[in-house]
Amino acid sequence: MDDPELEAIRQRRMQELMAQRGVGNQQNTEQQKAQETAQREADEQRQMMLSQILSTEARERIARIALVKPEKARGVEDVILRAAQMGQIAEKVSEARLISLLEQINNQTSKQTKVTIQRRRSVLDDDD
């Protein structure tokens, strides 16, 4: 059962696989680091733009919303940034204007929740 040639082939193959994984892991970590730094820089730039567009009260309100619903805060920030890029915002967005914008977004995205209860009958239960 112990074939020296077969064992040598297995050893070479294991070394090849280990070498490939070692190189692949280095490239993956480098790519991850590059992506993380790019993401961090984009977030910093986004926050800088928002600080120029929003008043301090409005920024605080969005920060409080982000604590509860991060996806909603991100959506509101996206709407504000898009409006600023298209030139629709001339001055800093006040808290009152932010509240009205939030109300508009809530009206557009209001969800109807529907609860459906499905009862499963067990084979052992009798209706008698």
C-alpha atoms as a PDB file:
ATOM      1  CA  MET A   1       0.000   0.000   0.000  1.00  0.00           C
ATOM      2  CA  ASP A   2       2.840   2.389   0.721  1.00  0.00           C
ATOM      3  CA  ASP A   3       4.050   3.485  -2.676  1.00  0.00           C
ATOM      4  CA  PRO A   4       7.054   5.861  -2.467  1.00  0.00           C
ATOM      5  CA  GLU A   5       6.250   7.481  -5.831  1.00  0.00           C
ATOM      6  CA  LEU A   6       2.654   8.149  -4.833  1.00  0.00           C
ATOM      7  CA  GLU A   7       3.782   9.635  -1.539  1.00  0.00           C
ATOM      8  CA  ALA A   8       6.282  11.896  -3.339  1.00  0.00           C
ATOM      9  CA  ILE A   9       3.571  13.108  -5.722  1.00  0.00           C
ATOM     10  CA  ARG A  10       1.264  13.870  -2.790  1.00  0.00           C
ATOM     11  CA  GLN A  11       4.000  15.805  -1.020  1.00  0.00           C
ATOM     12  CA  ARG A  12       4.751  17.905  -4.128  1.00  0.00           C
ATOM     13  CA  ARG A  13       1.069  18.617  -4.661  1.00  0.00           C
ATOM     14  CA  MET A  14       0.636  19.683  -1.029  1.00  0.00           C
ATOM     15  CA  GLN A  15       3.611  22.028  -1.331  1.00  0.00           C
ATOM     16  CA  GLU A  16       2.170  23.544  -4.517  1.00  0.00           C
ATOM     17  CA  LEU A  17      -1.193  24.103  -2.859  1.00  0.00           C
ATOM     18  CA  MET A  18       0.397  25.654   0.206  1.00  0.00           C
ATOM     19  CA  ALA A  19       2.475  27.970  -1.973  1.00  0.00           C
ATOM     20  CA  GLN A  20      -0.603  29.082  -3.911  1.00  0.00           C
ATOM     21  CA  ARG A  21      -2.544  29.775  -0.734  1.00  0.00           C
ATOM     22  CA  GLY A  22       0.300  31.727   0.779  1.00  0.00           C
ATOM     23  CA  VAL A  23       0.606  34.012  -2.250  1.00  0.00           C
ATOM     24  CA  GLY A  24      -3.167  34.307  -2.588  1.00  0.00           C
ATOM     25  CA  ASN A  25      -3.581  35.339   1.038  1.00  0.00           C
ATOM     26  CA  GLN A  26      -0.974  38.085   0.703  1.00  0.00           C
ATOM     27  CA  GLN A  27      -2.736  39.484  -2.358  1.00  0.00           C
ATOM     28  CA  ASN A  28      -6.116  39.271  -0.648  1.00  0.00           C
ATOM     29  CA  THR A  29      -4.928  41.159   2.410  1.00  0.00           C
ATOM     30  CA  GLU A  30      -3.312  43.841   0.256  1.00  0.00           C
ATOM     31  CA  GLN A  31      -6.505  44.205  -1.765  1.00  0.00           C
ATOM     32  CA  GLN A  32      -8.562  44.369   1.424  1.00  0.00           C
ATOM     33  CA  LYS A  33      -6.313  47.070   2.851  1.00  0.00           C
ATOM     34  CA  ALA A  34      -6.567  49.076  -0.365  1.00  0.00           C
ATOM     35  CA  GLN A  35     -10.354  48.755  -0.368  1.00  0.00           C
ATOM     36  CA  GLU A  36     -10.578  49.760   3.286  1.00  0.00           C
ATOM     37  CA  THR A  37      -8.454  52.861   2.763  1.00  0.00           C
ATOM     38  CA  ALA A  38     -10.462  53.839  -0.318  1.00  0.00           C
ATOM     39  CA  GLN A  39     -13.701  53.353   1.635  1.00  0.00           C
ATOM     40  CA  ARG A  40     -12.361  55.371   4.565  1.00  0.00           C
ATOM     41  CA  GLU A  41     -11.296  58.234   2.281  1.00  0.00           C
ATOM     42  CA  ALA A  42     -14.693  58.237   0.542  1.00  0.00           C
ATOM     43  CA  ASP A  43     -16.453  58.372   3.930  1.00  0.00           C
ATOM     44  CA  GLU A  44     -14.238  61.246   5.080  1.00  0.00           C
ATOM     45  CA  GLN A  45     -14.956  63.175   1.894  1.00  0.00           C
ATOM     46  CA  ARG A  46     -18.678  62.476   2.276  1.00  0.00           C
ATOM     47  CA  GLN A  47     -18.657  63.735   5.884  1.00  0.00           C
ATOM     48  CA  MET A  48     -16.756  66.856   4.871  1.00  0.00           C
ATOM     49  CA  MET A  49     -19.307  67.626   2.154  1.00  0.00           C
ATOM     50  CA  LEU A  50     -22.177  67.062   4.570  1.00  0.00           C
ATOM     51  CA  SER A  51     -20.592  69.349   7.164  1.00  0.00           C
ATOM     52  CA  GLN A  52     -20.486  72.105   4.542  1.00  0.00           C
ATOM     53  CA  ILE A  53     -24.093  71.542   3.481  1.00  0.00           C
ATOM     54  CA  LEU A  54     -25.827  70.902   6.834  1.00  0.00           C
ATOM     55  CA  SER A  55     -26.172  73.146   9.859  1.00  0.00           C
ATOM     56  CA  THR A  56     -24.914  71.763  13.155  1.00  0.00           C
ATOM     57  CA  GLU A  57     -28.457  71.027  14.388  1.00  0.00           C
ATOM     58  CA  ALA A  58     -29.274  69.156  11.181  1.00  0.00           C
ATOM     59  CA  ARG A  59     -26.052  67.136  11.446  1.00  0.00           C
ATOM     60  CA  GLU A  60     -26.913  66.226  15.031  1.00  0.00           C
ATOM     61  CA  ARG A  61     -30.402  65.107  13.981  1.00  0.00           C
ATOM     62  CA  ILE A  62     -29.023  62.889  11.210  1.00  0.00           C
ATOM     63  CA  ALA A  63     -26.526  61.436  13.673  1.00  0.00           C
ATOM     64  CA  ARG A  64     -29.371  60.546  16.044  1.00  0.00           C
ATOM     65  CA  ILE A  65     -31.307  58.966  13.185  1.00  0.00           C
ATOM     66  CA  ALA A  66     -28.210  56.993  12.196  1.00  0.00           C
ATOM     67  CA  LEU A  67     -28.067  55.474  15.674  1.00  0.00           C
ATOM     68  CA  VAL A  68     -31.536  53.994  15.238  1.00  0.00           C
ATOM     69  CA  LYS A  69     -31.818  53.477  11.493  1.00  0.00           C
ATOM     70  CA  PRO A  70     -28.454  53.735   9.714  1.00  0.00           C
ATOM     71  CA  GLU A  71     -29.892  52.878   6.287  1.00  0.00           C
ATOM     72  CA  LYS A  72     -32.461  55.663   6.551  1.00  0.00           C
ATOM     73  CA  ALA A  73     -29.832  58.205   7.598  1.00  0.00           C
ATOM     74  CA  ARG A  74     -27.636  57.112   4.698  1.00  0.00           C
ATOM     75  CA  GLY A  75     -30.565  57.547   2.302  1.00  0.00           C
ATOM     76  CA  VAL A  76     -31.301  61.048   3.598  1.00  0.00           C
ATOM     77  CA  GLU A  77     -27.634  61.966   3.283  1.00  0.00           C
ATOM     78  CA  ASP A  78     -27.638  60.654  -0.298  1.00  0.00           C
ATOM     79  CA  VAL A  79     -30.684  62.769  -1.172  1.00  0.00           C
ATOM     80  CA  ILE A  80     -29.087  65.882   0.330  1.00  0.00           C
ATOM     81  CA  LEU A  81     -25.750  65.292  -1.429  1.00  0.00           C
ATOM     82  CA  ARG A  82     -27.468  64.705  -4.782  1.00  0.00           C
ATOM     83  CA  ALA A  83     -29.504  67.894  -4.392  1.00  0.00           C
ATOM     84  CA  ALA A  84     -26.355  69.842  -3.524  1.00  0.00           C
ATOM     85  CA  GLN A  85     -24.482  68.435  -6.515  1.00  0.00           C
ATOM     86  CA  MET A  86     -27.326  69.431  -8.834  1.00  0.00           C
ATOM     87  CA  GLY A  87     -27.306  72.941  -7.358  1.00  0.00           C
ATOM     88  CA  GLN A  88     -30.719  72.753  -5.687  1.00  0.00           C
ATOM     89  CA  ILE A  89     -29.328  73.727  -2.283  1.00  0.00           C
ATOM     90  CA  ALA A  90     -28.134  77.314  -2.107  1.00  0.00           C
ATOM     91  CA  GLU A  91     -27.562  77.676   1.652  1.00  0.00           C
ATOM     92  CA  LYS A  92     -26.958  75.383   4.593  1.00  0.00           C
ATOM     93  CA  VAL A  93     -29.798  73.003   5.304  1.00  0.00           C
ATOM     94  CA  SER A  94     -31.449  73.919   8.594  1.00  0.00           C
ATOM     95  CA  GLU A  95     -33.028  71.481  11.008  1.00  0.00           C
ATOM     96  CA  ALA A  96     -36.542  72.583  10.001  1.00  0.00           C
ATOM     97  CA  ARG A  97     -35.789  71.959   6.334  1.00  0.00           C
ATOM     98  CA  LEU A  98     -34.295  68.578   7.213  1.00  0.00           C
ATOM     99  CA  ILE A  99     -37.448  67.666   9.147  1.00  0.00           C
ATOM    100  CA  SER A 100     -39.637  68.539   6.167  1.00  0.00           C
ATOM    101  CA  LEU A 101     -37.358  66.480   3.926  1.00  0.00           C
ATOM    102  CA  LEU A 102     -37.616  63.556   6.341  1.00  0.00           C
ATOM    103  CA  GLU A 103     -41.422  63.831   6.321  1.00  0.00           C
ATOM    104  CA  GLN A 104     -41.450  63.789   2.512  1.00  0.00           C
ATOM    105  CA  ILE A 105     -39.234  60.707   2.454  1.00  0.00           C
ATOM    106  CA  ASN A 106     -41.422  58.987   5.079  1.00  0.00           C
ATOM    107  CA  ASN A 107     -44.538  59.653   3.016  1.00  0.00           C
ATOM    108  CA  GLN A 108     -42.895  58.233  -0.096  1.00  0.00           C
ATOM    109  CA  THR A 109     -41.525  55.134   1.585  1.00  0.00           C
ATOM    110  CA  SER A 110     -44.292  54.318   4.052  1.00  0.00           C
ATOM    111  CA  LYS A 111     -44.734  50.584   4.308  1.00  0.00           C
ATOM    112  CA  GLN A 112     -47.919  48.689   4.863  1.00  0.00           C
ATOM    113  CA  THR A 113     -47.209  45.906   7.290  1.00  0.00           C
ATOM    114  CA  LYS A 114     -49.287  42.812   6.900  1.00  0.00           C
ATOM    115  CA  VAL A 115     -49.163  39.935   9.323  1.00  0.00           C
ATOM    116  CA  THR A 116     -50.293  36.537   8.140  1.00  0.00           C
ATOM    117  CA  ILE A 117     -50.601  33.717  10.606  1.00  0.00           C
ATOM    118  CA  GLN A 118     -50.419  30.231   9.216  1.00  0.00           C
ATOM    119  CA  ARG A 119     -51.281  27.511  11.651  1.00  0.00           C
ATOM    120  CA  ARG A 120     -49.845  24.131  11.005  1.00  0.00           C
ATOM    121  CA  ARG A 121     -51.754  21.114  12.076  1.00  0.00           C
ATOM    122  CA  SER A 122     -49.917  18.242  13.502  1.00  0.00           C
ATOM    123  CA  VAL A 123     -50.696  14.744  12.292  1.00  0.00           C
ATOM    124  CA  LEU A 124     -51.223  13.611  15.862  1.00  0.00           C
ATOM    125  CA  ASP A 125     -53.815  16.285  16.696  1.00  0.00           C
ATOM    126  CA  ASP A 126     -57.425  15.227  16.352  1.00  0.00           C
ATOM    127  CA  ASP A 127     -60.312  17.582  15.766  1.00  0.00           C
ATOM    128  CA  ASP A 128     -62.654  15.408  17.834  1.00  0.00           C
END
